[in-house]
């Protein structure tokens, strides 16, 4: 089956549900590739007439806002013991260095760490639960959460959709190549966010004072 024909068989509601679900779970605090899923879905919407980019962006935004809000409630109730438990289960994402780096971001930016965190993989996972753990006033969290979710999800959808539309004729002619391009874009975004997270942890470790030698 031709790739384009296969893509046309995917129900639009399944795409909306997948994007909202993955982004919601990632925002809640579960390490999932939300950005890759959104980018892939936005590319798909540019080639799939039934997948509306406006509905897709709205579903992605809703998943981000709702997931972050649930994460906030869980973090507020669970406190720091929750972070320690998550660190044991997901040391690559919730290790002490990652937690400390995220806390530094909150200390520096306040409520806007929630907004800017939407664009950084590490903070996208941490923002909701950590805001709850730190007892950030919910109204502040909600404002930054809604704005960040809409700008990130809507903006990403719009940009990637536009790229897909511009390249529509080329992608139809070389559909397998187009699918490969989508995969490369997803992998590229994953590498970028991993580097950002690693840089934040490295900056935190560099800022830590060295222990004094024992007398």
Protein backbone atom coordinates (compact mmCIF):
# COMPACT_ATOMS: atom_id res chain seq x y z
CA UNK A 1 0.00 0.00 0.00
CA UNK A 2 1.22 3.50 -0.87
CA UNK A 3 2.28 5.44 2.22
CA UNK A 4 -0.13 8.29 1.47
CA UNK A 5 -3.01 5.84 1.07
CA UNK A 6 -2.08 4.19 4.35
CA UNK A 7 -1.97 7.53 6.15
CA UNK A 8 -5.43 8.35 4.83
CA UNK A 9 -6.83 5.28 6.63
CA UNK A 10 -5.92 6.65 10.08
CA UNK A 11 -9.06 8.08 11.77
CA UNK A 12 -8.64 11.74 12.71
CA UNK A 13 -10.11 11.14 16.18
CA UNK A 14 -7.35 8.58 16.85
CA UNK A 15 -4.71 11.19 16.01
CA UNK A 16 -6.34 13.79 18.28
CA UNK A 17 -6.67 11.30 21.15
CA UNK A 18 -3.07 10.07 20.81
CA UNK A 19 -1.62 13.58 20.78
CA UNK A 20 -3.73 14.78 23.73
CA UNK A 21 -3.02 11.60 25.70
CA UNK A 22 0.75 11.48 25.22
CA UNK A 23 1.22 15.20 25.87
CA UNK A 24 -1.09 15.03 28.89
CA UNK A 25 0.82 12.11 30.42
CA UNK A 26 4.16 13.79 29.74
CA UNK A 27 2.94 17.01 31.37
CA UNK A 28 1.69 15.00 34.33
CA UNK A 29 5.27 13.86 34.95
CA UNK A 30 5.65 10.65 32.94
CA UNK A 31 8.66 10.72 30.57
CA UNK A 32 7.11 10.39 27.10
CA UNK A 33 8.07 11.90 23.70
CA UNK A 34 5.27 14.48 23.58
CA UNK A 35 7.11 16.84 21.27
CA UNK A 36 7.93 14.11 18.75
CA UNK A 37 4.30 12.95 18.70
CA UNK A 38 3.05 16.50 18.17
CA UNK A 39 5.53 17.19 15.35
CA UNK A 40 4.63 13.92 13.63
CA UNK A 41 0.90 14.60 13.97
CA UNK A 42 1.27 18.14 12.62
CA UNK A 43 3.13 16.79 9.58
CA UNK A 44 0.42 14.19 9.16
CA UNK A 45 -2.29 16.85 9.28
CA UNK A 46 -0.67 18.66 6.35
CA UNK A 47 -1.09 15.50 4.24
CA UNK A 48 -4.29 14.06 5.77
CA UNK A 49 -7.39 16.04 4.82
CA UNK A 50 -9.43 14.75 7.77
CA UNK A 51 -6.93 15.86 10.45
CA UNK A 52 -7.73 19.50 11.14
CA UNK A 53 -4.64 21.43 12.36
CA UNK A 54 -6.79 23.76 14.49
CA UNK A 55 -8.45 20.83 16.27
CA UNK A 56 -5.05 19.15 16.58
CA UNK A 57 -3.54 22.26 18.18
CA UNK A 58 -6.52 22.59 20.51
CA UNK A 59 -6.25 18.94 21.60
CA UNK A 60 -2.51 19.28 22.17
CA UNK A 61 -3.06 22.46 24.21
CA UNK A 62 -5.81 20.81 26.26
CA UNK A 63 -3.62 17.79 26.97
CA UNK A 64 -0.76 20.05 28.07
CA UNK A 65 -2.91 22.21 30.38
CA UNK A 66 -4.89 19.34 31.92
CA UNK A 67 -1.81 17.16 32.37
CA UNK A 68 0.13 19.96 34.04
CA UNK A 69 -2.79 20.71 36.35
CA UNK A 70 -3.06 17.08 37.43
CA UNK A 71 0.71 17.00 37.93
CA UNK A 72 0.45 20.14 40.08
CA UNK A 73 -2.22 18.51 42.29
CA UNK A 74 -0.15 15.32 42.65
CA UNK A 75 2.99 17.28 43.47
CA UNK A 76 1.23 19.44 46.03
CA UNK A 77 -0.14 16.36 47.79
CA UNK A 78 2.94 14.13 47.47
CA UNK A 79 5.61 16.73 48.24
CA UNK A 80 9.32 15.98 48.09
CA UNK A 81 8.90 12.28 48.97
CA UNK A 82 7.13 11.98 45.61
CA UNK A 83 10.15 13.43 43.78
CA UNK A 84 12.43 11.02 45.62
CA UNK A 85 10.20 8.10 44.63
CA UNK A 86 10.12 9.22 41.00
CA UNK A 87 13.90 9.58 41.11
CA UNK A 88 14.24 5.92 42.05
CA UNK A 89 11.90 4.82 39.26
CA UNK A 90 13.18 7.18 36.54
CA UNK A 91 16.77 8.12 37.50
CA UNK A 92 17.54 9.39 33.98
CA UNK A 93 14.74 11.94 34.22
CA UNK A 94 14.21 12.59 37.94
CA UNK A 95 17.74 12.18 39.29
CA UNK A 96 19.00 14.60 41.98
CA UNK A 97 20.81 16.71 39.37
CA UNK A 98 17.70 17.04 37.24
CA UNK A 99 15.52 17.95 40.22
CA UNK A 100 18.01 20.54 41.44
CA UNK A 101 18.36 22.04 37.95
CA UNK A 102 14.58 22.34 37.66
CA UNK A 103 14.38 23.98 41.09
CA UNK A 104 17.01 26.50 40.07
CA UNK A 105 14.87 27.37 37.05
CA UNK A 106 11.87 27.95 39.34
CA UNK A 107 13.95 30.12 41.66
CA UNK A 108 15.17 32.19 38.71
CA UNK A 109 11.95 32.56 36.71
CA UNK A 110 9.18 31.95 39.26
CA UNK A 111 5.81 31.24 37.64
CA UNK A 112 7.32 31.77 34.19
CA UNK A 113 9.37 28.61 34.63
CA UNK A 114 6.07 26.86 33.94
CA UNK A 115 5.64 28.88 30.73
CA UNK A 116 9.21 28.53 29.46
CA UNK A 117 9.38 24.96 30.71
CA UNK A 118 6.86 23.97 28.06
CA UNK A 119 9.63 24.44 25.47
CA UNK A 120 12.29 22.42 27.35
CA UNK A 121 11.94 18.66 27.72
CA UNK A 122 13.27 18.51 31.29
CA UNK A 123 11.00 21.24 32.60
CA UNK A 124 8.04 20.03 30.57
CA UNK A 125 8.04 16.87 32.68
CA UNK A 126 8.81 18.68 35.95
CA UNK A 127 6.80 21.89 35.73
CA UNK A 128 3.46 20.69 37.05
CA UNK A 129 4.59 18.38 39.86
CA UNK A 130 7.41 20.69 40.98
CA UNK A 131 5.13 23.74 41.07
CA UNK A 132 2.85 21.75 43.36
CA UNK A 133 5.73 20.57 45.56
CA UNK A 134 6.92 24.20 45.92
CA UNK A 135 3.34 25.32 46.71
CA UNK A 136 3.23 27.90 43.93
CA UNK A 137 -0.15 29.72 44.11
CA UNK A 138 -2.46 27.89 41.73
CA UNK A 139 -3.69 31.02 39.97
CA UNK A 140 -0.11 31.90 39.00
CA UNK A 141 0.54 28.36 37.89
CA UNK A 142 -2.68 28.27 35.86
CA UNK A 143 -1.92 31.49 33.97
CA UNK A 144 1.57 30.35 32.97
CA UNK A 145 0.31 26.82 32.29
CA UNK A 146 -2.47 27.92 29.92
CA UNK A 147 -0.30 30.45 28.08
CA UNK A 148 2.62 28.04 27.76
CA UNK A 149 0.42 25.18 26.59
CA UNK A 150 -1.30 27.26 23.92
CA UNK A 151 1.86 28.95 22.63
CA UNK A 152 3.90 25.73 22.55
CA UNK A 153 1.24 23.37 21.19
CA UNK A 154 -0.42 25.87 18.86
CA UNK A 155 2.86 27.34 17.65
CA UNK A 156 4.48 23.97 17.01
CA UNK A 157 1.41 22.73 15.15
CA UNK A 158 1.23 25.89 13.01
CA UNK A 159 4.91 25.88 12.06
CA UNK A 160 5.17 22.17 11.25
CA UNK A 161 1.83 22.18 9.41
CA UNK A 162 2.98 25.12 7.28
CA UNK A 163 6.22 23.32 6.41
CA UNK A 164 4.22 20.26 5.41
CA UNK A 165 1.85 22.26 3.19
CA UNK A 166 4.72 24.01 1.42
CA UNK A 167 6.35 20.66 0.73
CA UNK A 168 3.06 18.92 -0.12
CA UNK A 169 3.74 18.32 -3.81
CA UNK A 170 7.23 17.03 -3.10
CA UNK A 171 6.02 14.75 -0.32
CA UNK A 172 3.28 13.28 -2.51
CA UNK A 173 5.76 12.48 -5.23
CA UNK A 174 8.29 10.94 -2.85
CA UNK A 175 6.07 9.74 -0.03
CA UNK A 176 8.61 7.33 1.48
CA UNK A 177 11.21 10.07 1.49
CA UNK A 178 8.66 12.36 3.13
CA UNK A 179 8.05 9.78 5.85
CA UNK A 180 11.80 9.58 6.36
CA UNK A 181 11.96 13.36 6.69
CA UNK A 182 9.29 13.23 9.40
CA UNK A 183 11.29 10.62 11.30
CA UNK A 184 14.50 12.65 10.98
CA UNK A 185 12.74 15.76 12.26
CA UNK A 186 11.45 13.81 15.24
CA UNK A 187 14.88 12.37 16.03
CA UNK A 188 16.48 15.80 15.61
CA UNK A 189 14.06 17.39 18.07
CA UNK A 190 14.71 14.58 20.55
CA UNK A 191 18.48 15.16 20.37
CA UNK A 192 18.01 18.90 20.83
CA UNK A 193 15.88 18.56 23.96
CA UNK A 194 18.26 15.95 25.39
CA UNK A 195 21.17 18.36 24.93
CA UNK A 196 19.20 21.13 26.62
CA UNK A 197 18.46 18.90 29.60
CA UNK A 198 22.09 17.76 29.84
CA UNK A 199 23.27 21.37 29.68
CA UNK A 200 20.96 22.38 32.54
CA UNK A 201 22.21 19.52 34.71
CA UNK A 202 25.83 20.36 33.87
CA UNK A 203 25.27 24.02 34.79
CA UNK A 204 23.79 22.96 38.10
CA UNK A 205 26.69 20.66 38.90
CA UNK A 206 29.18 23.39 37.97
CA UNK A 207 27.42 25.83 40.28
CA UNK A 208 27.51 23.44 43.25
CA UNK A 209 30.21 24.44 45.78
CA UNK A 210 33.01 21.94 46.13
CA UNK A 211 33.09 20.14 49.50
CA UNK A 212 35.69 21.42 51.91
CA UNK A 213 38.50 18.97 52.62
CA UNK A 214 38.29 17.22 55.95
CA UNK A 215 40.71 18.41 58.58
